[in-house]
PDB file of N, CA and C in Angstrom:
ATOM      1  N   MET A   1     -56.616  17.044 -28.388  1.00  0.00           N
ATOM      2  CA  MET A   1     -56.187  17.119 -26.635  1.00  0.00           C
ATOM      3  C   MET A   1     -56.162  15.453 -26.666  1.00  0.00           C
ATOM      4  N   SER A   2     -54.292  15.163 -25.908  1.00  0.00           N
ATOM      5  CA  SER A   2     -53.677  14.667 -25.769  1.00  0.00           C
ATOM      6  C   SER A   2     -54.502  13.441 -24.890  1.00  0.00           C
ATOM      7  N   SER A   3     -54.790  12.041 -25.209  1.00  0.00           N
ATOM      8  CA  SER A   3     -55.068  10.838 -23.846  1.00  0.00           C
ATOM      9  C   SER A   3     -53.653  10.969 -23.064  1.00  0.00           C
ATOM     10  N   GLU A   4     -53.125  10.877 -22.029  1.00  0.00           N
ATOM     11  CA  GLU A   4     -52.396  10.312 -21.412  1.00  0.00           C
ATOM     12  C   GLU A   4     -52.422   9.414 -20.314  1.00  0.00           C
ATOM     13  N   ASN A   5     -51.752   9.021 -20.233  1.00  0.00           N
ATOM     14  CA  ASN A   5     -52.187   7.591 -19.772  1.00  0.00           C
ATOM     15  C   ASN A   5     -51.600   7.763 -17.904  1.00  0.00           C
ATOM     16  N   PHE A   6     -52.039   8.578 -16.866  1.00  0.00           N
ATOM     17  CA  PHE A   6     -51.330   8.395 -15.912  1.00  0.00           C
ATOM     18  C   PHE A   6     -51.737   7.376 -14.928  1.00  0.00           C
ATOM     19  N   GLU A   7     -50.854   6.656 -14.243  1.00  0.00           N
ATOM     20  CA  GLU A   7     -50.360   5.483 -13.331  1.00  0.00           C
ATOM     21  C   GLU A   7     -50.207   5.737 -11.896  1.00  0.00           C
ATOM     22  N   ILE A   8     -50.664   5.452 -11.192  1.00  0.00           N
ATOM     23  CA  ILE A   8     -51.075   5.347  -9.008  1.00  0.00           C
ATOM     24  C   ILE A   8     -49.670   4.735  -8.731  1.00  0.00           C
ATOM     25  N   LYS A   9     -49.192   5.471  -8.360  1.00  0.00           N
ATOM     26  CA  LYS A   9     -47.642   4.500  -7.892  1.00  0.00           C
ATOM     27  C   LYS A   9     -48.050   4.064  -6.301  1.00  0.00           C
ATOM     28  N   LYS A  10     -47.071   3.352  -5.535  1.00  0.00           N
ATOM     29  CA  LYS A  10     -48.008   2.885  -4.567  1.00  0.00           C
ATOM     30  C   LYS A  10     -46.169   3.100  -3.688  1.00  0.00           C
ATOM     31  N   ILE A  11     -46.192   3.656  -1.767  1.00  0.00           N
ATOM     32  CA  ILE A  11     -45.276   3.814  -1.760  1.00  0.00           C
ATOM     33  C   ILE A  11     -45.043   3.417  -0.436  1.00  0.00           C
ATOM     34  N   LYS A  12     -44.513   2.739  -0.076  1.00  0.00           N
ATOM     35  CA  LYS A  12     -44.563   2.456   1.094  1.00  0.00           C
ATOM     36  C   LYS A  12     -44.127   3.062   2.669  1.00  0.00           C
ATOM     37  N   VAL A  13     -45.298   3.116   3.424  1.00  0.00           N
ATOM     38  CA  VAL A  13     -44.236   4.226   4.606  1.00  0.00           C
ATOM     39  C   VAL A  13     -44.468   3.706   5.493  1.00  0.00           C
ATOM     40  N   GLY A  14     -43.909   4.494   6.607  1.00  0.00           N
ATOM     41  CA  GLY A  14     -43.073   3.352   7.388  1.00  0.00           C
ATOM     42  C   GLY A  14     -42.609   2.926   7.707  1.00  0.00           C
ATOM     43  N   ALA A  15     -42.082   2.340   9.350  1.00  0.00           N
ATOM     44  CA  ALA A  15     -40.270   1.032   8.983  1.00  0.00           C
ATOM     45  C   ALA A  15     -41.400   0.221   8.972  1.00  0.00           C
ATOM     46  N   LYS A  16     -40.430  -0.540   8.620  1.00  0.00           N
ATOM     47  CA  LYS A  16     -40.709  -2.264   8.752  1.00  0.00           C
ATOM     48  C   LYS A  16     -41.036  -3.068  10.050  1.00  0.00           C
ATOM     49  N   PRO A  17     -42.338  -4.196   9.895  1.00  0.00           N
ATOM     50  CA  PRO A  17     -42.207  -4.272  11.692  1.00  0.00           C
ATOM     51  C   PRO A  17     -40.417  -4.697  11.609  1.00  0.00           C
ATOM     52  N   PHE A  18     -40.646  -5.136  12.998  1.00  0.00           N
ATOM     53  CA  PHE A  18     -40.323  -6.107  14.321  1.00  0.00           C
ATOM     54  C   PHE A  18     -39.771  -7.589  13.709  1.00  0.00           C
ATOM     55  N   THR A  19     -38.641  -7.979  12.891  1.00  0.00           N
ATOM     56  CA  THR A  19     -39.069  -9.659  13.779  1.00  0.00           C
ATOM     57  C   THR A  19     -37.637  -9.837  13.928  1.00  0.00           C
ATOM     58  N   ARG A  20     -37.863 -11.639  14.457  1.00  0.00           N
ATOM     59  CA  ARG A  20     -36.110 -12.453  15.525  1.00  0.00           C
ATOM     60  C   ARG A  20     -35.965 -12.930  13.507  1.00  0.00           C
ATOM     61  N   PRO A  21     -34.745 -13.044  13.511  1.00  0.00           N
ATOM     62  CA  PRO A  21     -33.894 -13.771  12.010  1.00  0.00           C
ATOM     63  C   PRO A  21     -33.966 -14.985  12.697  1.00  0.00           C
ATOM     64  N   ARG A  22     -34.087 -16.541  12.473  1.00  0.00           N
ATOM     65  CA  ARG A  22     -34.123 -17.718  12.677  1.00  0.00           C
ATOM     66  C   ARG A  22     -32.607 -18.009  11.942  1.00  0.00           C
ATOM     67  N   ASP A  23     -32.155 -17.752  11.346  1.00  0.00           N
ATOM     68  CA  ASP A  23     -30.956 -17.696  11.124  1.00  0.00           C
ATOM     69  C   ASP A  23     -29.537 -17.370  11.650  1.00  0.00           C
ATOM     70  N   ASP A  24     -29.776 -16.117  12.123  1.00  0.00           N
ATOM     71  CA  ASP A  24     -28.887 -15.730  13.343  1.00  0.00           C
ATOM     72  C   ASP A  24     -28.745 -15.565  14.670  1.00  0.00           C
ATOM     73  N   ARG A  25     -29.868 -16.471  15.329  1.00  0.00           N
ATOM     74  CA  ARG A  25     -29.721 -15.822  16.943  1.00  0.00           C
ATOM     75  C   ARG A  25     -28.389 -16.810  17.111  1.00  0.00           C
ATOM     76  N   VAL A  26     -28.845 -16.370  18.744  1.00  0.00           N
ATOM     77  CA  VAL A  26     -27.945 -17.268  19.844  1.00  0.00           C
ATOM     78  C   VAL A  26     -28.663 -18.268  21.030  1.00  0.00           C
ATOM     79  N   ILE A  27     -29.682 -17.319  21.372  1.00  0.00           N
ATOM     80  CA  ILE A  27     -30.632 -18.300  22.100  1.00  0.00           C
ATOM     81  C   ILE A  27     -32.362 -18.078  21.781  1.00  0.00           C
ATOM     82  N   PHE A  28     -32.718 -16.263  21.485  1.00  0.00           N
ATOM     83  CA  PHE A  28     -34.013 -16.880  20.621  1.00  0.00           C
ATOM     84  C   PHE A  28     -34.258 -15.232  19.251  1.00  0.00           C
ATOM     85  N   GLY A  29     -33.455 -14.921  19.243  1.00  0.00           N
ATOM     86  CA  GLY A  29     -33.228 -14.077  18.159  1.00  0.00           C
ATOM     87  C   GLY A  29     -33.584 -12.221  18.969  1.00  0.00           C
ATOM     88  N   VAL A  30     -33.612 -12.007  19.272  1.00  0.00           N
ATOM     89  CA  VAL A  30     -34.034 -10.367  19.885  1.00  0.00           C
ATOM     90  C   VAL A  30     -32.983  -9.919  19.988  1.00  0.00           C
ATOM     91  N   CYS A  31     -31.280  -9.801  20.022  1.00  0.00           N
ATOM     92  CA  CYS A  31     -30.075  -8.960  19.996  1.00  0.00           C
ATOM     93  C   CYS A  31     -29.973  -8.820  18.131  1.00  0.00           C
ATOM     94  N   SER A  32     -30.401 -10.024  17.704  1.00  0.00           N
ATOM     95  CA  SER A  32     -29.433  -9.736  16.164  1.00  0.00           C
ATOM     96  C   SER A  32     -30.783  -9.000  15.455  1.00  0.00           C
ATOM     97  N   GLY A  33     -32.367  -9.295  15.693  1.00  0.00           N
ATOM     98  CA  GLY A  33     -33.154  -8.886  15.095  1.00  0.00           C
ATOM     99  C   GLY A  33     -33.198  -6.982  15.533  1.00  0.00           C
ATOM    100  N   LEU A  34     -32.982  -7.320  16.924  1.00  0.00           N
ATOM    101  CA  LEU A  34     -32.643  -5.094  17.158  1.00  0.00           C
ATOM    102  C   LEU A  34     -31.883  -4.943  16.361  1.00  0.00           C
ATOM    103  N   ALA A  35     -30.437  -5.781  16.192  1.00  0.00           N
ATOM    104  CA  ALA A  35     -29.138  -5.536  15.473  1.00  0.00           C
ATOM    105  C   ALA A  35     -29.383  -5.144  13.914  1.00  0.00           C
ATOM    106  N   ARG A  36     -30.536  -6.150  13.632  1.00  0.00           N
ATOM    107  CA  ARG A  36     -30.812  -5.554  11.953  1.00  0.00           C
ATOM    108  C   ARG A  36     -31.338  -4.229  11.823  1.00  0.00           C
ATOM    109  N   LYS A  37     -32.806  -4.317  12.621  1.00  0.00           N
ATOM    110  CA  LYS A  37     -33.200  -2.538  13.069  1.00  0.00           C
ATOM    111  C   LYS A  37     -32.948  -1.455  13.303  1.00  0.00           C
ATOM    112  N   LEU A  38     -31.448  -1.239  13.837  1.00  0.00           N
ATOM    113  CA  LEU A  38     -31.069  -0.407  13.832  1.00  0.00           C
ATOM    114  C   LEU A  38     -29.327  -0.345  13.130  1.00  0.00           C
ATOM    115  N   GLY A  39     -29.212  -1.410  12.244  1.00  0.00           N
ATOM    116  CA  GLY A  39     -28.031  -1.442  10.847  1.00  0.00           C
ATOM    117  C   GLY A  39     -26.636  -1.576  12.296  1.00  0.00           C
ATOM    118  N   ILE A  40     -26.545  -2.074  13.289  1.00  0.00           N
ATOM    119  CA  ILE A  40     -24.988  -2.523  13.816  1.00  0.00           C
ATOM    120  C   ILE A  40     -25.349  -3.700  13.126  1.00  0.00           C
ATOM    121  N   SER A  41     -24.402  -4.449  13.638  1.00  0.00           N
ATOM    122  CA  SER A  41     -23.938  -6.184  14.135  1.00  0.00           C
ATOM    123  C   SER A  41     -24.356  -6.210  15.004  1.00  0.00           C
ATOM    124  N   SER A  42     -24.555  -8.310  14.889  1.00  0.00           N
ATOM    125  CA  SER A  42     -25.862  -8.642  16.223  1.00  0.00           C
ATOM    126  C   SER A  42     -24.478  -8.954  17.189  1.00  0.00           C
ATOM    127  N   THR A  43     -23.196  -8.774  16.891  1.00  0.00           N
ATOM    128  CA  THR A  43     -21.941  -9.091  18.523  1.00  0.00           C
ATOM    129  C   THR A  43     -22.082  -7.713  19.479  1.00  0.00           C
ATOM    130  N   LEU A  44     -22.031  -6.956  18.541  1.00  0.00           N
ATOM    131  CA  LEU A  44     -21.668  -5.528  19.468  1.00  0.00           C
ATOM    132  C   LEU A  44     -23.611  -5.007  19.342  1.00  0.00           C
ATOM    133  N   SER A  45     -24.166  -5.599  19.072  1.00  0.00           N
ATOM    134  CA  SER A  45     -25.930  -5.586  20.061  1.00  0.00           C
ATOM    135  C   SER A  45     -26.378  -6.225  21.568  1.00  0.00           C
ATOM    136  N   ARG A  46     -24.986  -7.428  20.977  1.00  0.00           N
ATOM    137  CA  ARG A  46     -25.323  -8.552  21.891  1.00  0.00           C
ATOM    138  C   ARG A  46     -24.545  -7.788  23.353  1.00  0.00           C
ATOM    139  N   ILE A  47     -23.237  -7.224  23.133  1.00  0.00           N
ATOM    140  CA  ILE A  47     -22.438  -6.786  24.039  1.00  0.00           C
ATOM    141  C   ILE A  47     -22.977  -5.583  24.603  1.00  0.00           C
ATOM    142  N   ILE A  48     -23.594  -4.495  23.977  1.00  0.00           N
ATOM    143  CA  ILE A  48     -24.792  -3.844  24.659  1.00  0.00           C
ATOM    144  C   ILE A  48     -24.980  -4.257  25.417  1.00  0.00           C
ATOM    145  N   PHE A  49     -26.545  -5.174  24.761  1.00  0.00           N
ATOM    146  CA  PHE A  49     -27.701  -5.482  25.693  1.00  0.00           C
ATOM    147  C   PHE A  49     -26.827  -5.997  26.944  1.00  0.00           C
ATOM    148  N   SER A  50     -26.204  -6.782  26.958  1.00  0.00           N
ATOM    149  CA  SER A  50     -24.764  -7.843  27.803  1.00  0.00           C
ATOM    150  C   SER A  50     -25.150  -6.635  28.777  1.00  0.00           C
ATOM    151  N   VAL A  51     -24.151  -5.240  28.267  1.00  0.00           N
ATOM    152  CA  VAL A  51     -24.106  -4.468  29.680  1.00  0.00           C
ATOM    153  C   VAL A  51     -24.969  -4.199  29.729  1.00  0.00           C
ATOM    154  N   LEU A  52     -25.996  -3.252  29.600  1.00  0.00           N
ATOM    155  CA  LEU A  52     -26.863  -2.825  30.032  1.00  0.00           C
ATOM    156  C   LEU A  52     -27.904  -3.807  30.958  1.00  0.00           C
ATOM    157  N   THR A  53     -27.930  -4.453  30.320  1.00  0.00           N
ATOM    158  CA  THR A  53     -28.503  -5.991  31.184  1.00  0.00           C
ATOM    159  C   THR A  53     -28.058  -5.623  32.615  1.00  0.00           C
ATOM    160  N   LEU A  54     -26.212  -5.868  32.686  1.00  0.00           N
ATOM    161  CA  LEU A  54     -25.952  -6.286  34.274  1.00  0.00           C
ATOM    162  C   LEU A  54     -26.201  -4.311  35.022  1.00  0.00           C
ATOM    163  N   LEU A  55     -26.437  -3.613  34.209  1.00  0.00           N
ATOM    164  CA  LEU A  55     -26.416  -2.193  35.079  1.00  0.00           C
ATOM    165  C   LEU A  55     -27.745  -2.278  35.145  1.00  0.00           C
ATOM    166  N   THR A  56     -28.730  -2.185  35.004  1.00  0.00           N
ATOM    167  CA  THR A  56     -29.895  -2.346  34.867  1.00  0.00           C
ATOM    168  C   THR A  56     -30.252  -3.605  36.221  1.00  0.00           C
ATOM    169  N   GLY A  57     -29.248  -4.165  37.067  1.00  0.00           N
ATOM    170  CA  GLY A  57     -29.437  -4.994  37.694  1.00  0.00           C
ATOM    171  C   GLY A  57     -30.447  -6.483  37.488  1.00  0.00           C
ATOM    172  N   GLY A  58     -30.627  -6.170  36.070  1.00  0.00           N
ATOM    173  CA  GLY A  58     -30.759  -7.719  35.536  1.00  0.00           C
ATOM    174  C   GLY A  58     -32.583  -8.023  34.562  1.00  0.00           C
ATOM    175  N   SER A  59     -32.607  -6.066  35.114  1.00  0.00           N
ATOM    176  CA  SER A  59     -34.477  -5.527  34.123  1.00  0.00           C
ATOM    177  C   SER A  59     -34.957  -6.326  33.226  1.00  0.00           C
ATOM    178  N   LEU A  60     -33.439  -5.534  32.784  1.00  0.00           N
ATOM    179  CA  LEU A  60     -33.617  -5.507  31.077  1.00  0.00           C
ATOM    180  C   LEU A  60     -33.776  -7.065  30.517  1.00  0.00           C
ATOM    181  N   ALA A  61     -33.637  -7.866  30.922  1.00  0.00           N
ATOM    182  CA  ALA A  61     -33.589  -9.595  30.561  1.00  0.00           C
ATOM    183  C   ALA A  61     -35.577  -9.259  30.783  1.00  0.00           C
ATOM    184  N   ILE A  62     -36.115  -8.957  31.431  1.00  0.00           N
ATOM    185  CA  ILE A  62     -37.568  -8.738  31.642  1.00  0.00           C
ATOM    186  C   ILE A  62     -37.943  -8.194  30.143  1.00  0.00           C
ATOM    187  N   ALA A  63     -37.314  -7.611  29.700  1.00  0.00           N
ATOM    188  CA  ALA A  63     -37.548  -6.224  28.463  1.00  0.00           C
ATOM    189  C   ALA A  63     -37.213  -7.517  27.596  1.00  0.00           C
ATOM    190  N   TYR A  64     -36.307  -8.520  27.357  1.00  0.00           N
ATOM    191  CA  TYR A  64     -35.710  -8.767  26.266  1.00  0.00           C
ATOM    192  C   TYR A  64     -37.141 -10.520  26.040  1.00  0.00           C
ATOM    193  N   LEU A  65     -37.199 -11.221  27.302  1.00  0.00           N
ATOM    194  CA  LEU A  65     -38.359 -11.391  27.269  1.00  0.00           C
ATOM    195  C   LEU A  65     -39.993 -11.296  26.238  1.00  0.00           C
ATOM    196  N   ILE A  66     -40.463  -9.821  27.329  1.00  0.00           N
ATOM    197  CA  ILE A  66     -41.392  -9.295  27.093  1.00  0.00           C
ATOM    198  C   ILE A  66     -41.328  -8.687  25.263  1.00  0.00           C
ATOM    199  N   ILE A  67     -40.046  -8.587  24.832  1.00  0.00           N
ATOM    200  CA  ILE A  67     -39.556  -8.292  23.281  1.00  0.00           C
ATOM    201  C   ILE A  67     -39.933  -9.716  22.546  1.00  0.00           C
ATOM    202  N   PHE A  68     -39.247 -11.093  23.012  1.00  0.00           N
ATOM    203  CA  PHE A  68     -39.239 -12.427  21.924  1.00  0.00           C
ATOM    204  C   PHE A  68     -41.231 -12.687  22.285  1.00  0.00           C
ATOM    205  N   LEU A  69     -41.614 -12.525  23.539  1.00  0.00           N
ATOM    206  CA  LEU A  69     -43.227 -12.887  23.545  1.00  0.00           C
ATOM    207  C   LEU A  69     -44.329 -12.165  22.392  1.00  0.00           C
ATOM    208  N   VAL A  70     -43.735 -11.154  22.304  1.00  0.00           N
ATOM    209  CA  VAL A  70     -44.356  -9.705  20.971  1.00  0.00           C
ATOM    210  C   VAL A  70     -44.170 -10.099  19.637  1.00  0.00           C
ATOM    211  N   SER A  71     -42.665 -10.347  19.442  1.00  0.00           N
ATOM    212  CA  SER A  71     -42.601  -9.768  18.032  1.00  0.00           C
ATOM    213  C   SER A  71     -42.404 -11.621  17.061  1.00  0.00           C
ATOM    214  N   SER A  72     -42.125 -11.326  16.285  1.00  0.00           N
ATOM    215  CA  SER A  72     -42.704 -12.825  15.563  1.00  0.00           C
ATOM    216  C   SER A  72     -41.007 -12.990  14.519  1.00  0.00           C
ATOM    217  N   GLN A  73     -41.292 -14.312  13.721  1.00  0.00           N
ATOM    218  CA  GLN A  73     -40.268 -14.570  13.556  1.00  0.00           C
ATOM    219  C   GLN A  73     -40.221 -14.609  12.078  1.00  0.00           C
ATOM    220  N   GLU A  74     -39.029 -14.147  11.125  1.00  0.00           N
ATOM    221  CA  GLU A  74     -38.919 -14.107   9.946  1.00  0.00           C
ATOM    222  C   GLU A  74     -39.179 -15.367   9.241  1.00  0.00           C
TER     223      GLU A  74
END
C-alpha cells in the first residue's frame, strides 16, 4: 500500500462583513462601504443614496445613521 498525504483545505464560505473604509469617506463612509460591497464607484453610490433619500422624504437618512452605528471601520 502506498501512503498518501491528504490535506484539508480551508474554504471561506459567505460574504465579507460590511465595513466602512477610512480612506474614502465624505461624512461617515457608509456610501463608500456600500459601493465597495456592491462593486460600484463611491460617487455613483452617493448619487443613488442622495436621490433615494429625497424620494423617500428623508427616511433613508435614518437608515444611514443606523448603518453607521451598526457597522465597523476597516
